[in-house]
């Protein structure tokens, strides 16, 4: 299974922020849309990733307030990325190794979407459920052996 399979099911709605917008604006968008991450774009290029983890770290660093913090100050400016052709097993390994919950999907310099650890786990579970159903159907339809004496 590839990342493109997840994106096909998930759809292509993307929420972005710019590095120079107030962090408060980005957090409001995350809350309004009930999402855990924003892709940070500047001049059509991916420049960072803002997740609830970076938001919490910025608030703690600022004494419990967002204040006038900009997205640029809080974002991860070296986010982990993959392509739509990356194998799901590789994505799982990458996300676990870096403790990444969200990963932008890039084909060359084109942002294709964002996948989450939840999306990856759901795809794996759905795939295993499908395999289990197929195996059970195969076992149920197992041909009876000829029991006549030879």
C-alpha atoms as a PDB file:
ATOM      1  CA  UNK A   1       0.000   0.000   0.000  1.00  0.00           C
ATOM      2  CA  UNK A   2       1.223   3.472  -0.880  1.00  0.00           C
ATOM      3  CA  UNK A   3       0.611   6.963   0.514  1.00  0.00           C
ATOM      4  CA  UNK A   4      -1.471   7.733  -2.592  1.00  0.00           C
ATOM      5  CA  UNK A   5      -4.004   5.122  -1.399  1.00  0.00           C
ATOM      6  CA  UNK A   6      -4.488   7.066   1.847  1.00  0.00           C
ATOM      7  CA  UNK A   7      -4.793  10.406   0.044  1.00  0.00           C
ATOM      8  CA  UNK A   8      -7.378   8.971  -2.347  1.00  0.00           C
ATOM      9  CA  UNK A   9      -9.620   7.961   0.582  1.00  0.00           C
ATOM     10  CA  UNK A  10      -8.861  10.994   2.729  1.00  0.00           C
ATOM     11  CA  UNK A  11      -9.453  13.642   0.098  1.00  0.00           C
ATOM     12  CA  UNK A  12      -7.360  16.696  -0.628  1.00  0.00           C
ATOM     13  CA  UNK A  13      -8.532  19.404   1.746  1.00  0.00           C
ATOM     14  CA  UNK A  14      -5.469  21.278   2.986  1.00  0.00           C
ATOM     15  CA  UNK A  15      -5.126  23.967   5.608  1.00  0.00           C
ATOM     16  CA  UNK A  16      -2.086  26.186   5.530  1.00  0.00           C
ATOM     17  CA  UNK A  17      -0.482  29.080   7.362  1.00  0.00           C
ATOM     18  CA  UNK A  18       2.231  31.524   6.451  1.00  0.00           C
ATOM     19  CA  UNK A  19       5.366  31.953   8.552  1.00  0.00           C
ATOM     20  CA  UNK A  20       4.685  35.608   9.264  1.00  0.00           C
ATOM     21  CA  UNK A  21       1.096  35.302  10.487  1.00  0.00           C
ATOM     22  CA  UNK A  22       0.344  35.444  14.195  1.00  0.00           C
ATOM     23  CA  UNK A  23       0.416  32.082  15.942  1.00  0.00           C
ATOM     24  CA  UNK A  24      -2.958  32.987  17.486  1.00  0.00           C
ATOM     25  CA  UNK A  25      -4.536  33.108  14.008  1.00  0.00           C
ATOM     26  CA  UNK A  26      -3.129  29.688  13.149  1.00  0.00           C
ATOM     27  CA  UNK A  27      -4.291  28.203  16.464  1.00  0.00           C
ATOM     28  CA  UNK A  28      -7.792  29.633  15.900  1.00  0.00           C
ATOM     29  CA  UNK A  29      -7.912  27.947  12.473  1.00  0.00           C
ATOM     30  CA  UNK A  30      -6.745  24.639  13.976  1.00  0.00           C
ATOM     31  CA  UNK A  31      -9.454  24.849  16.641  1.00  0.00           C
ATOM     32  CA  UNK A  32     -12.170  25.919  14.192  1.00  0.00           C
ATOM     33  CA  UNK A  33     -11.409  23.105  11.747  1.00  0.00           C
ATOM     34  CA  UNK A  34     -10.626  20.566  14.509  1.00  0.00           C
ATOM     35  CA  UNK A  35      -7.260  19.716  12.974  1.00  0.00           C
ATOM     36  CA  UNK A  36      -3.920  18.963  14.581  1.00  0.00           C
ATOM     37  CA  UNK A  37      -1.609  20.524  12.021  1.00  0.00           C
ATOM     38  CA  UNK A  38      -1.101  23.243   9.465  1.00  0.00           C
ATOM     39  CA  UNK A  39       1.331  23.190   6.584  1.00  0.00           C
ATOM     40  CA  UNK A  40       3.384  26.385   6.576  1.00  0.00           C
ATOM     41  CA  UNK A  41       3.837  27.747   3.059  1.00  0.00           C
ATOM     42  CA  UNK A  42       5.761  30.749   1.722  1.00  0.00           C
ATOM     43  CA  UNK A  43       5.803  31.734  -1.952  1.00  0.00           C
ATOM     44  CA  UNK A  44       4.325  28.359  -2.927  1.00  0.00           C
ATOM     45  CA  UNK A  45       6.975  26.354  -1.076  1.00  0.00           C
ATOM     46  CA  UNK A  46       6.708  24.196   2.026  1.00  0.00           C
ATOM     47  CA  UNK A  47       8.733  25.938   4.727  1.00  0.00           C
ATOM     48  CA  UNK A  48       7.463  24.253   7.864  1.00  0.00           C
ATOM     49  CA  UNK A  49       4.860  22.345   9.781  1.00  0.00           C
ATOM     50  CA  UNK A  50       2.851  23.593  12.735  1.00  0.00           C
ATOM     51  CA  UNK A  51       1.286  20.968  14.978  1.00  0.00           C
ATOM     52  CA  UNK A  52      -0.278  21.093  18.407  1.00  0.00           C
ATOM     53  CA  UNK A  53       3.115  19.966  19.759  1.00  0.00           C
ATOM     54  CA  UNK A  54       4.861  23.105  18.477  1.00  0.00           C
ATOM     55  CA  UNK A  55       1.978  25.271  19.692  1.00  0.00           C
ATOM     56  CA  UNK A  56       2.220  23.864  23.230  1.00  0.00           C
ATOM     57  CA  UNK A  57       6.009  24.299  23.294  1.00  0.00           C
ATOM     58  CA  UNK A  58       5.648  27.929  22.150  1.00  0.00           C
ATOM     59  CA  UNK A  59       3.018  28.663  24.813  1.00  0.00           C
ATOM     60  CA  UNK A  60       5.181  27.133  27.559  1.00  0.00           C
ATOM     61  CA  UNK A  61       8.227  29.062  26.318  1.00  0.00           C
ATOM     62  CA  UNK A  62       6.150  32.276  26.391  1.00  0.00           C
ATOM     63  CA  UNK A  63       5.035  31.831  30.005  1.00  0.00           C
ATOM     64  CA  UNK A  64       1.659  30.303  29.222  1.00  0.00           C
ATOM     65  CA  UNK A  65       0.496  32.773  26.577  1.00  0.00           C
ATOM     66  CA  UNK A  66       0.640  32.986  22.800  1.00  0.00           C
ATOM     67  CA  UNK A  67       1.281  36.713  22.856  1.00  0.00           C
ATOM     68  CA  UNK A  68       2.603  38.169  19.609  1.00  0.00           C
ATOM     69  CA  UNK A  69       4.419  34.991  18.601  1.00  0.00           C
ATOM     70  CA  UNK A  70       4.588  34.366  14.868  1.00  0.00           C
ATOM     71  CA  UNK A  71       4.095  30.978  13.220  1.00  0.00           C
ATOM     72  CA  UNK A  72       7.748  31.168  12.085  1.00  0.00           C
ATOM     73  CA  UNK A  73       8.914  31.117  15.708  1.00  0.00           C
ATOM     74  CA  UNK A  74       6.897  28.035  16.654  1.00  0.00           C
ATOM     75  CA  UNK A  75       6.900  25.891  13.488  1.00  0.00           C
ATOM     76  CA  UNK A  76       9.105  22.903  12.731  1.00  0.00           C
ATOM     77  CA  UNK A  77      11.198  24.280   9.879  1.00  0.00           C
ATOM     78  CA  UNK A  78      12.528  20.853   8.835  1.00  0.00           C
ATOM     79  CA  UNK A  79       9.408  18.687   8.666  1.00  0.00           C
ATOM     80  CA  UNK A  80       9.574  15.059   7.694  1.00  0.00           C
ATOM     81  CA  UNK A  81       8.056  14.525   4.226  1.00  0.00           C
ATOM     82  CA  UNK A  82       7.221  11.649   1.922  1.00  0.00           C
ATOM     83  CA  UNK A  83       5.929  11.273  -1.631  1.00  0.00           C
ATOM     84  CA  UNK A  84       2.640   9.784  -2.771  1.00  0.00           C
ATOM     85  CA  UNK A  85       4.602   6.734  -3.958  1.00  0.00           C
ATOM     86  CA  UNK A  86       6.221   6.048  -0.576  1.00  0.00           C
ATOM     87  CA  UNK A  87       5.297   2.643   0.795  1.00  0.00           C
ATOM     88  CA  UNK A  88       3.145   2.679   3.923  1.00  0.00           C
ATOM     89  CA  UNK A  89       5.601   0.500   5.855  1.00  0.00           C
ATOM     90  CA  UNK A  90       8.330   3.077   5.209  1.00  0.00           C
ATOM     91  CA  UNK A  91       6.034   5.922   6.310  1.00  0.00           C
ATOM     92  CA  UNK A  92       5.229   4.098   9.566  1.00  0.00           C
ATOM     93  CA  UNK A  93       8.938   3.605  10.260  1.00  0.00           C
ATOM     94  CA  UNK A  94       9.744   7.243   9.484  1.00  0.00           C
ATOM     95  CA  UNK A  95       6.923   8.595  11.655  1.00  0.00           C
ATOM     96  CA  UNK A  96       7.802   6.337  14.579  1.00  0.00           C
ATOM     97  CA  UNK A  97      11.529   7.123  14.355  1.00  0.00           C
ATOM     98  CA  UNK A  98      10.908  10.898  14.442  1.00  0.00           C
ATOM     99  CA  UNK A  99       7.832  10.821  16.714  1.00  0.00           C
ATOM    100  CA  UNK A 100       5.989  12.628  13.912  1.00  0.00           C
ATOM    101  CA  UNK A 101       2.204  12.624  14.022  1.00  0.00           C
ATOM    102  CA  UNK A 102       1.763  14.492  10.727  1.00  0.00           C
ATOM    103  CA  UNK A 103       3.657  14.296   7.458  1.00  0.00           C
ATOM    104  CA  UNK A 104       3.323  16.476   4.359  1.00  0.00           C
ATOM    105  CA  UNK A 105       3.167  14.530   1.104  1.00  0.00           C
ATOM    106  CA  UNK A 106       5.288  16.151  -1.598  1.00  0.00           C
ATOM    107  CA  UNK A 107       5.683  15.190  -5.251  1.00  0.00           C
ATOM    108  CA  UNK A 108       8.760  17.176  -6.246  1.00  0.00           C
ATOM    109  CA  UNK A 109       7.828  20.658  -4.951  1.00  0.00           C
ATOM    110  CA  UNK A 110       4.044  20.137  -5.169  1.00  0.00           C
ATOM    111  CA  UNK A 111       2.197  19.652  -1.880  1.00  0.00           C
ATOM    112  CA  UNK A 112      -0.215  16.747  -2.387  1.00  0.00           C
ATOM    113  CA  UNK A 113      -1.657  16.544   1.119  1.00  0.00           C
ATOM    114  CA  UNK A 114      -0.888  15.706   4.730  1.00  0.00           C
ATOM    115  CA  UNK A 115      -1.210  12.305   6.338  1.00  0.00           C
ATOM    116  CA  UNK A 116      -1.400  11.640  10.030  1.00  0.00           C
ATOM    117  CA  UNK A 117      -0.352   8.709  12.149  1.00  0.00           C
ATOM    118  CA  UNK A 118      -4.099   8.094  12.577  1.00  0.00           C
ATOM    119  CA  UNK A 119      -4.509   7.874   8.763  1.00  0.00           C
ATOM    120  CA  UNK A 120      -1.648   5.375   8.569  1.00  0.00           C
ATOM    121  CA  UNK A 121      -2.991   3.251  11.438  1.00  0.00           C
ATOM    122  CA  UNK A 122      -6.509   3.270   9.945  1.00  0.00           C
ATOM    123  CA  UNK A 123      -5.189   2.161   6.546  1.00  0.00           C
ATOM    124  CA  UNK A 124      -3.264  -0.706   8.144  1.00  0.00           C
ATOM    125  CA  UNK A 125      -6.282  -1.841  10.202  1.00  0.00           C
ATOM    126  CA  UNK A 126      -8.621  -1.583   7.187  1.00  0.00           C
ATOM    127  CA  UNK A 127      -6.177  -3.612   5.097  1.00  0.00           C
ATOM    128  CA  UNK A 128      -5.880  -6.293   7.781  1.00  0.00           C
ATOM    129  CA  UNK A 129      -9.668  -6.447   8.191  1.00  0.00           C
ATOM    130  CA  UNK A 130     -10.051  -6.944   4.440  1.00  0.00           C
ATOM    131  CA  UNK A 131      -7.442  -9.736   4.437  1.00  0.00           C
ATOM    132  CA  UNK A 132      -9.168 -11.408   7.407  1.00  0.00           C
ATOM    133  CA  UNK A 133     -12.549 -11.325   5.625  1.00  0.00           C
ATOM    134  CA  UNK A 134     -11.011 -12.790   2.487  1.00  0.00           C
ATOM    135  CA  UNK A 135      -9.281 -15.578   4.436  1.00  0.00           C
ATOM    136  CA  UNK A 136     -12.474 -16.404   6.339  1.00  0.00           C
ATOM    137  CA  UNK A 137     -14.462 -16.512   3.088  1.00  0.00           C
ATOM    138  CA  UNK A 138     -11.815 -18.773   1.568  1.00  0.00           C
ATOM    139  CA  UNK A 139     -11.911 -21.114   4.566  1.00  0.00           C
ATOM    140  CA  UNK A 140     -15.741 -21.236   4.543  1.00  0.00           C
ATOM    141  CA  UNK A 141     -15.725 -22.146   0.850  1.00  0.00           C
ATOM    142  CA  UNK A 142     -13.019 -24.782   1.278  1.00  0.00           C
ATOM    143  CA  UNK A 143     -13.881 -27.691  -1.003  1.00  0.00           C
ATOM    144  CA  UNK A 144     -14.929 -30.858   0.798  1.00  0.00           C
ATOM    145  CA  UNK A 145     -12.486 -33.717   0.417  1.00  0.00           C
ATOM    146  CA  UNK A 146     -13.671 -36.867  -1.245  1.00  0.00           C
ATOM    147  CA  UNK A 147     -14.178 -39.312   1.619  1.00  0.00           C
ATOM    148  CA  UNK A 148     -14.937 -42.397  -0.469  1.00  0.00           C
ATOM    149  CA  UNK A 149     -12.581 -45.348   0.079  1.00  0.00           C
ATOM    150  CA  UNK A 150     -10.099 -45.984  -2.637  1.00  0.00           C
END
